[in-house]
């Protein structure tokens, strides 16, 4: 599923924004699901994401999610 999302969103960016011809996703991906009952929380998070990531980097937050939900990982593969 994530491969299809990345493929289709890349095609959309290249078609819609011609000045972003160099746009490409990173090699890997990570996905977390949220329940509908948390929709307001997720919407606020997205709306404030730029400010939020001034305090904590995306990388720090991603590792926190992995740890919080006991997802095993090898850090050498996270940021290639």
PDB file of N, CA and C in Angstrom:
ATOM      1  N   UNK A   1       0.813  -1.182   0.000  1.00  0.00           N
ATOM      2  CA  UNK A   1       0.000   0.000   0.000  1.00  0.00           C
ATOM      3  C   UNK A   1       0.868   1.263   0.000  1.00  0.00           C
ATOM      4  N   UNK A   2       1.884   1.286   0.862  1.00  0.00           N
ATOM      5  CA  UNK A   2       2.730   2.485   0.926  1.00  0.00           C
ATOM      6  C   UNK A   2       3.467   2.723  -0.393  1.00  0.00           C
ATOM      7  N   UNK A   3       3.880   1.642  -1.052  1.00  0.00           N
ATOM      8  CA  UNK A   3       4.538   1.810  -2.352  1.00  0.00           C
ATOM      9  C   UNK A   3       3.608   2.529  -3.325  1.00  0.00           C
ATOM     10  N   UNK A   4       2.339   2.132  -3.342  1.00  0.00           N
ATOM     11  CA  UNK A   4       1.366   2.761  -4.234  1.00  0.00           C
ATOM     12  C   UNK A   4       1.122   4.219  -3.871  1.00  0.00           C
ATOM     13  N   UNK A   5       1.046   4.512  -2.579  1.00  0.00           N
ATOM     14  CA  UNK A   5       0.857   5.901  -2.140  1.00  0.00           C
ATOM     15  C   UNK A   5       2.043   6.749  -2.598  1.00  0.00           C
ATOM     16  N   UNK A   6       3.256   6.233  -2.396  1.00  0.00           N
ATOM     17  CA  UNK A   6       4.445   6.987  -2.800  1.00  0.00           C
ATOM     18  C   UNK A   6       4.494   7.182  -4.311  1.00  0.00           C
ATOM     19  N   UNK A   7       4.192   6.125  -5.060  1.00  0.00           N
ATOM     20  CA  UNK A   7       4.218   6.204  -6.527  1.00  0.00           C
ATOM     21  C   UNK A   7       3.208   7.219  -7.035  1.00  0.00           C
ATOM     22  N   UNK A   8       1.979   7.108  -6.558  1.00  0.00           N
ATOM     23  CA  UNK A   8       0.921   8.000  -7.042  1.00  0.00           C
ATOM     24  C   UNK A   8       1.101   9.433  -6.572  1.00  0.00           C
ATOM     25  N   UNK A   9       1.570   9.632  -5.356  1.00  0.00           N
ATOM     26  CA  UNK A   9       1.772  11.004  -4.881  1.00  0.00           C
ATOM     27  C   UNK A   9       2.953  11.656  -5.600  1.00  0.00           C
ATOM     28  N   UNK A  10       3.980  10.886  -5.913  1.00  0.00           N
ATOM     29  CA  UNK A  10       5.099  11.437  -6.690  1.00  0.00           C
ATOM     30  C   UNK A  10       4.630  11.872  -8.072  1.00  0.00           C
ATOM     31  N   UNK A  11       3.830  11.036  -8.710  1.00  0.00           N
ATOM     32  CA  UNK A  11       3.293  11.384 -10.033  1.00  0.00           C
ATOM     33  C   UNK A  11       2.441  12.647  -9.949  1.00  0.00           C
ATOM     34  N   UNK A  12       1.634  12.765  -8.890  1.00  0.00           N
ATOM     35  CA  UNK A  12       0.792  13.945  -8.711  1.00  0.00           C
ATOM     36  C   UNK A  12       1.646  15.203  -8.539  1.00  0.00           C
ATOM     37  N   UNK A  13       2.688  15.131  -7.711  1.00  0.00           N
ATOM     38  CA  UNK A  13       3.558  16.291  -7.495  1.00  0.00           C
ATOM     39  C   UNK A  13       4.204  16.712  -8.811  1.00  0.00           C
ATOM     40  N   UNK A  14       4.718  15.738  -9.569  1.00  0.00           N
ATOM     41  CA  UNK A  14       5.390  16.079 -10.829  1.00  0.00           C
ATOM     42  C   UNK A  14       4.423  16.650 -11.854  1.00  0.00           C
ATOM     43  N   UNK A  15       3.190  16.175 -11.861  1.00  0.00           N
ATOM     44  CA  UNK A  15       2.191  16.678 -12.803  1.00  0.00           C
ATOM     45  C   UNK A  15       1.661  18.046 -12.378  1.00  0.00           C
ATOM     46  N   UNK A  16       1.432  18.215 -11.098  1.00  0.00           N
ATOM     47  CA  UNK A  16       0.799  19.429 -10.583  1.00  0.00           C
ATOM     48  C   UNK A  16       1.787  20.577 -10.405  1.00  0.00           C
ATOM     49  N   UNK A  17       2.998  20.258 -10.002  1.00  0.00           N
ATOM     50  CA  UNK A  17       3.994  21.288  -9.703  1.00  0.00           C
ATOM     51  C   UNK A  17       5.226  21.053 -10.575  1.00  0.00           C
ATOM     52  N   UNK A  18       5.199  21.542 -11.775  1.00  0.00           N
ATOM     53  CA  UNK A  18       6.297  21.327 -12.713  1.00  0.00           C
ATOM     54  C   UNK A  18       7.638  21.820 -12.205  1.00  0.00           C
ATOM     55  N   UNK A  19       7.629  22.810 -11.311  1.00  0.00           N
ATOM     56  CA  UNK A  19       8.887  23.340 -10.775  1.00  0.00           C
ATOM     57  C   UNK A  19       9.488  22.438  -9.704  1.00  0.00           C
ATOM     58  N   UNK A  20       8.865  21.304  -9.409  1.00  0.00           N
ATOM     59  CA  UNK A  20       9.394  20.350  -8.430  1.00  0.00           C
ATOM     60  C   UNK A  20       9.826  19.060  -9.114  1.00  0.00           C
ATOM     61  N   UNK A  21      10.458  19.201 -10.261  1.00  0.00           N
ATOM     62  CA  UNK A  21      10.864  18.027 -11.037  1.00  0.00           C
ATOM     63  C   UNK A  21      11.834  17.136 -10.275  1.00  0.00           C
ATOM     64  N   UNK A  22      12.566  17.704  -9.326  1.00  0.00           N
ATOM     65  CA  UNK A  22      13.535  16.918  -8.563  1.00  0.00           C
ATOM     66  C   UNK A  22      12.922  16.256  -7.319  1.00  0.00           C
ATOM     67  N   UNK A  23      11.605  16.400  -7.137  1.00  0.00           N
ATOM     68  CA  UNK A  23      10.947  15.803  -5.974  1.00  0.00           C
ATOM     69  C   UNK A  23      11.050  14.283  -6.006  1.00  0.00           C
ATOM     70  N   UNK A  24      11.382  13.693  -4.867  1.00  0.00           N
ATOM     71  CA  UNK A  24      11.403  12.235  -4.737  1.00  0.00           C
ATOM     72  C   UNK A  24      11.240  11.883  -3.266  1.00  0.00           C
ATOM     73  N   UNK A  25      10.561  10.794  -3.008  1.00  0.00           N
ATOM     74  CA  UNK A  25      10.440  10.288  -1.652  1.00  0.00           C
ATOM     75  C   UNK A  25      11.724   9.600  -1.249  1.00  0.00           C
ATOM     76  N   UNK A  26      11.954   9.479   0.045  1.00  0.00           N
ATOM     77  CA  UNK A  26      13.092   8.703   0.532  1.00  0.00           C
ATOM     78  C   UNK A  26      12.863   7.236   0.193  1.00  0.00           C
ATOM     79  N   UNK A  27      13.882   6.420   0.335  1.00  0.00           N
ATOM     80  CA  UNK A  27      13.793   5.014  -0.057  1.00  0.00           C
ATOM     81  C   UNK A  27      12.799   4.223   0.790  1.00  0.00           C
ATOM     82  N   UNK A  28      12.746   4.454   2.069  1.00  0.00           N
ATOM     83  CA  UNK A  28      11.884   3.662   2.947  1.00  0.00           C
ATOM     84  C   UNK A  28      10.607   4.393   3.292  1.00  0.00           C
ATOM     85  N   UNK A  29       9.905   3.852   4.264  1.00  0.00           N
ATOM     86  CA  UNK A  29       8.678   4.483   4.715  1.00  0.00           C
ATOM     87  C   UNK A  29       8.291   3.930   6.077  1.00  0.00           C
ATOM     88  N   UNK A  30       7.448   4.647   6.736  1.00  0.00           N
ATOM     89  CA  UNK A  30       6.862   4.203   7.997  1.00  0.00           C
ATOM     90  C   UNK A  30       5.423   4.681   8.017  1.00  0.00           C
ATOM     91  N   UNK A  31       4.553   3.916   8.590  1.00  0.00           N
ATOM     92  CA  UNK A  31       3.139   4.300   8.643  1.00  0.00           C
ATOM     93  C   UNK A  31       2.565   3.920   9.998  1.00  0.00           C
ATOM     94  N   UNK A  32       1.775   4.817  10.542  1.00  0.00           N
ATOM     95  CA  UNK A  32       1.068   4.568  11.780  1.00  0.00           C
ATOM     96  C   UNK A  32      -0.397   4.882  11.525  1.00  0.00           C
ATOM     97  N   UNK A  33      -1.267   4.099  12.089  1.00  0.00           N
ATOM     98  CA  UNK A  33      -2.693   4.374  11.925  1.00  0.00           C
ATOM     99  C   UNK A  33      -3.225   5.040  13.198  1.00  0.00           C
ATOM    100  N   UNK A  34      -4.306   5.762  13.025  1.00  0.00           N
ATOM    101  CA  UNK A  34      -4.974   6.378  14.160  1.00  0.00           C
ATOM    102  C   UNK A  34      -6.463   6.093  14.051  1.00  0.00           C
ATOM    103  N   UNK A  35      -7.120   6.017  15.174  1.00  0.00           N
ATOM    104  CA  UNK A  35      -8.558   5.782  15.187  1.00  0.00           C
ATOM    105  C   UNK A  35      -9.329   7.058  14.884  1.00  0.00           C
ATOM    106  N   UNK A  36     -10.528   6.895  14.379  1.00  0.00           N
ATOM    107  CA  UNK A  36     -11.383   8.028  14.045  1.00  0.00           C
ATOM    108  C   UNK A  36     -11.623   8.923  15.257  1.00  0.00           C
ATOM    109  N   UNK A  37     -11.658   8.326  16.429  1.00  0.00           N
ATOM    110  CA  UNK A  37     -11.905   9.119  17.635  1.00  0.00           C
ATOM    111  C   UNK A  37     -10.779  10.119  17.902  1.00  0.00           C
ATOM    112  N   UNK A  38      -9.620   9.942  17.267  1.00  0.00           N
ATOM    113  CA  UNK A  38      -8.490  10.864  17.437  1.00  0.00           C
ATOM    114  C   UNK A  38      -8.347  11.845  16.275  1.00  0.00           C
ATOM    115  N   UNK A  39      -9.369  11.939  15.442  1.00  0.00           N
ATOM    116  CA  UNK A  39      -9.288  12.778  14.249  1.00  0.00           C
ATOM    117  C   UNK A  39      -8.977  14.235  14.581  1.00  0.00           C
ATOM    118  N   UNK A  40      -9.614  14.803  15.589  1.00  0.00           N
ATOM    119  CA  UNK A  40      -9.351  16.204  15.958  1.00  0.00           C
ATOM    120  C   UNK A  40      -7.905  16.397  16.398  1.00  0.00           C
ATOM    121  N   UNK A  41      -7.378  15.446  17.157  1.00  0.00           N
ATOM    122  CA  UNK A  41      -5.989  15.521  17.625  1.00  0.00           C
ATOM    123  C   UNK A  41      -5.040  15.483  16.437  1.00  0.00           C
ATOM    124  N   UNK A  42      -5.296  14.601  15.493  1.00  0.00           N
ATOM    125  CA  UNK A  42      -4.437  14.472  14.312  1.00  0.00           C
ATOM    126  C   UNK A  42      -4.512  15.737  13.464  1.00  0.00           C
ATOM    127  N   UNK A  43      -5.700  16.276  13.271  1.00  0.00           N
ATOM    128  CA  UNK A  43      -5.837  17.515  12.499  1.00  0.00           C
ATOM    129  C   UNK A  43      -5.068  18.667  13.139  1.00  0.00           C
ATOM    130  N   UNK A  44      -5.132  18.788  14.463  1.00  0.00           N
ATOM    131  CA  UNK A  44      -4.366  19.838  15.161  1.00  0.00           C
ATOM    132  C   UNK A  44      -2.867  19.607  14.999  1.00  0.00           C
ATOM    133  N   UNK A  45      -2.465  18.347  15.104  1.00  0.00           N
ATOM    134  CA  UNK A  45      -1.041  18.017  14.937  1.00  0.00           C
ATOM    135  C   UNK A  45      -0.557  18.462  13.558  1.00  0.00           C
ATOM    136  N   UNK A  46      -1.307  18.130  12.525  1.00  0.00           N
ATOM    137  CA  UNK A  46      -0.910  18.497  11.162  1.00  0.00           C
ATOM    138  C   UNK A  46      -0.880  20.014  11.006  1.00  0.00           C
ATOM    139  N   UNK A  47      -1.880  20.697  11.525  1.00  0.00           N
ATOM    140  CA  UNK A  47      -1.946  22.160  11.409  1.00  0.00           C
ATOM    141  C   UNK A  47      -0.771  22.838  12.102  1.00  0.00           C
ATOM    142  N   UNK A  48      -0.269  22.238  13.173  1.00  0.00           N
ATOM    143  CA  UNK A  48       0.817  22.847  13.956  1.00  0.00           C
ATOM    144  C   UNK A  48       2.158  22.143  13.769  1.00  0.00           C
ATOM    145  N   UNK A  49       2.258  21.327  12.732  1.00  0.00           N
ATOM    146  CA  UNK A  49       3.445  20.486  12.565  1.00  0.00           C
ATOM    147  C   UNK A  49       4.734  21.294  12.421  1.00  0.00           C
ATOM    148  N   UNK A  50       4.704  22.369  11.682  1.00  0.00           N
ATOM    149  CA  UNK A  50       5.919  23.167  11.487  1.00  0.00           C
ATOM    150  C   UNK A  50       6.435  23.708  12.818  1.00  0.00           C
ATOM    151  N   UNK A  51       5.545  24.245  13.626  1.00  0.00           N
ATOM    152  CA  UNK A  51       5.928  24.756  14.950  1.00  0.00           C
ATOM    153  C   UNK A  51       6.380  23.613  15.862  1.00  0.00           C
ATOM    154  N   UNK A  52       5.647  22.508  15.816  1.00  0.00           N
ATOM    155  CA  UNK A  52       5.960  21.342  16.640  1.00  0.00           C
ATOM    156  C   UNK A  52       7.381  20.835  16.381  1.00  0.00           C
ATOM    157  N   UNK A  53       7.775  20.793  15.097  1.00  0.00           N
ATOM    158  CA  UNK A  53       9.086  20.242  14.759  1.00  0.00           C
ATOM    159  C   UNK A  53      10.236  21.223  14.994  1.00  0.00           C
ATOM    160  N   UNK A  54       9.934  22.413  15.471  1.00  0.00           N
ATOM    161  CA  UNK A  54      11.003  23.293  15.948  1.00  0.00           C
ATOM    162  C   UNK A  54      11.492  22.831  17.311  1.00  0.00           C
ATOM    163  N   UNK A  55      10.624  22.130  18.063  1.00  0.00           N
ATOM    164  CA  UNK A  55      10.965  21.651  19.403  1.00  0.00           C
ATOM    165  C   UNK A  55      11.538  20.238  19.364  1.00  0.00           C
ATOM    166  N   UNK A  56      11.022  19.429  18.469  1.00  0.00           N
ATOM    167  CA  UNK A  56      11.452  18.031  18.371  1.00  0.00           C
ATOM    168  C   UNK A  56      11.495  17.668  16.897  1.00  0.00           C
ATOM    169  N   UNK A  57      12.599  17.094  16.449  1.00  0.00           N
ATOM    170  CA  UNK A  57      12.737  16.766  15.031  1.00  0.00           C
ATOM    171  C   UNK A  57      11.824  15.604  14.654  1.00  0.00           C
ATOM    172  N   UNK A  58      11.575  15.502  13.381  1.00  0.00           N
ATOM    173  CA  UNK A  58      10.809  14.371  12.856  1.00  0.00           C
ATOM    174  C   UNK A  58      11.471  13.061  13.270  1.00  0.00           C
ATOM    175  N   UNK A  59      12.793  12.997  13.143  1.00  0.00           N
ATOM    176  CA  UNK A  59      13.521  11.773  13.486  1.00  0.00           C
ATOM    177  C   UNK A  59      13.326  11.404  14.957  1.00  0.00           C
ATOM    178  N   UNK A  60      13.422  12.391  15.844  1.00  0.00           N
ATOM    179  CA  UNK A  60      13.215  12.136  17.274  1.00  0.00           C
ATOM    180  C   UNK A  60      11.800  11.623  17.537  1.00  0.00           C
ATOM    181  N   UNK A  61      10.835  12.237  16.897  1.00  0.00           N
ATOM    182  CA  UNK A  61       9.454  11.835  17.109  1.00  0.00           C
ATOM    183  C   UNK A  61       9.183  10.440  16.549  1.00  0.00           C
ATOM    184  N   UNK A  62       9.744  10.126  15.396  1.00  0.00           N
ATOM    185  CA  UNK A  62       9.552   8.811  14.787  1.00  0.00           C
ATOM    186  C   UNK A  62      10.099   7.714  15.697  1.00  0.00           C
ATOM    187  N   UNK A  63      11.301   7.911  16.220  1.00  0.00           N
ATOM    188  CA  UNK A  63      11.897   6.928  17.134  1.00  0.00           C
ATOM    189  C   UNK A  63      11.051   6.812  18.402  1.00  0.00           C
ATOM    190  N   UNK A  64      10.492   7.918  18.875  1.00  0.00           N
ATOM    191  CA  UNK A  64       9.612   7.867  20.046  1.00  0.00           C
ATOM    192  C   UNK A  64       8.378   7.003  19.768  1.00  0.00           C
ATOM    193  N   UNK A  65       7.777   7.150  18.588  1.00  0.00           N
ATOM    194  CA  UNK A  65       6.633   6.304  18.218  1.00  0.00           C
ATOM    195  C   UNK A  65       7.031   4.827  18.197  1.00  0.00           C
ATOM    196  N   UNK A  66       8.156   4.541  17.581  1.00  0.00           N
ATOM    197  CA  UNK A  66       8.606   3.150  17.519  1.00  0.00           C
ATOM    198  C   UNK A  66       8.778   2.578  18.915  1.00  0.00           C
ATOM    199  N   UNK A  67       9.395   3.337  19.792  1.00  0.00           N
ATOM    200  CA  UNK A  67       9.619   2.881  21.164  1.00  0.00           C
ATOM    201  C   UNK A  67       8.313   2.753  21.940  1.00  0.00           C
ATOM    202  N   UNK A  68       7.455   3.746  21.813  1.00  0.00           N
ATOM    203  CA  UNK A  68       6.184   3.750  22.546  1.00  0.00           C
ATOM    204  C   UNK A  68       5.338   2.518  22.226  1.00  0.00           C
ATOM    205  N   UNK A  69       5.380   2.094  20.969  1.00  0.00           N
ATOM    206  CA  UNK A  69       4.538   0.970  20.550  1.00  0.00           C
ATOM    207  C   UNK A  69       5.323  -0.335  20.413  1.00  0.00           C
ATOM    208  N   UNK A  70       6.508  -0.371  21.050  1.00  0.00           N
ATOM    209  CA  UNK A  70       7.336  -1.590  21.100  1.00  0.00           C
ATOM    210  C   UNK A  70       7.607  -2.176  19.712  1.00  0.00           C
ATOM    211  N   UNK A  71       7.927  -1.312  18.764  1.00  0.00           N
ATOM    212  CA  UNK A  71       8.269  -1.750  17.417  1.00  0.00           C
ATOM    213  C   UNK A  71       9.785  -1.874  17.336  1.00  0.00           C
ATOM    214  N   UNK A  72      10.247  -3.069  17.045  1.00  0.00           N
ATOM    215  CA  UNK A  72      11.690  -3.298  16.949  1.00  0.00           C
ATOM    216  C   UNK A  72      12.224  -2.629  15.691  1.00  0.00           C
ATOM    217  N   UNK A  73      13.434  -2.084  15.795  1.00  0.00           N
ATOM    218  CA  UNK A  73      14.061  -1.445  14.642  1.00  0.00           C
ATOM    219  C   UNK A  73      15.565  -1.444  14.838  1.00  0.00           C
ATOM    220  N   UNK A  74      16.256  -1.317  13.731  1.00  0.00           N
ATOM    221  CA  UNK A  74      17.698  -1.157  13.742  1.00  0.00           C
ATOM    222  C   UNK A  74      17.974   0.245  13.220  1.00  0.00           C
ATOM    223  N   UNK A  75      18.523   1.101  14.057  1.00  0.00           N
ATOM    224  CA  UNK A  75      18.694   2.503  13.699  1.00  0.00           C
ATOM    225  C   UNK A  75      19.522   2.702  12.426  1.00  0.00           C
ATOM    226  N   UNK A  76      20.372   1.760  12.102  1.00  0.00           N
ATOM    227  CA  UNK A  76      21.193   1.931  10.887  1.00  0.00           C
ATOM    228  C   UNK A  76      20.341   1.929   9.616  1.00  0.00           C
ATOM    229  N   UNK A  77      19.102   1.419   9.712  1.00  0.00           N
ATOM    230  CA  UNK A  77      18.212   1.395   8.527  1.00  0.00           C
ATOM    231  C   UNK A  77      17.192   2.526   8.516  1.00  0.00           C
ATOM    232  N   UNK A  78      17.143   3.321   9.561  1.00  0.00           N
ATOM    233  CA  UNK A  78      16.103   4.333   9.650  1.00  0.00           C
ATOM    234  C   UNK A  78      16.270   5.500   8.683  1.00  0.00           C
ATOM    235  N   UNK A  79      17.463   5.992   8.520  1.00  0.00           N
ATOM    236  CA  UNK A  79      17.616   7.276   7.821  1.00  0.00           C
ATOM    237  C   UNK A  79      18.460   7.178   6.561  1.00  0.00           C
ATOM    238  N   UNK A  80      18.416   6.072   5.875  1.00  0.00           N
ATOM    239  CA  UNK A  80      19.179   5.932   4.619  1.00  0.00           C
ATOM    240  C   UNK A  80      18.571   6.730   3.510  1.00  0.00           C
TER     241      UNK A  80
END
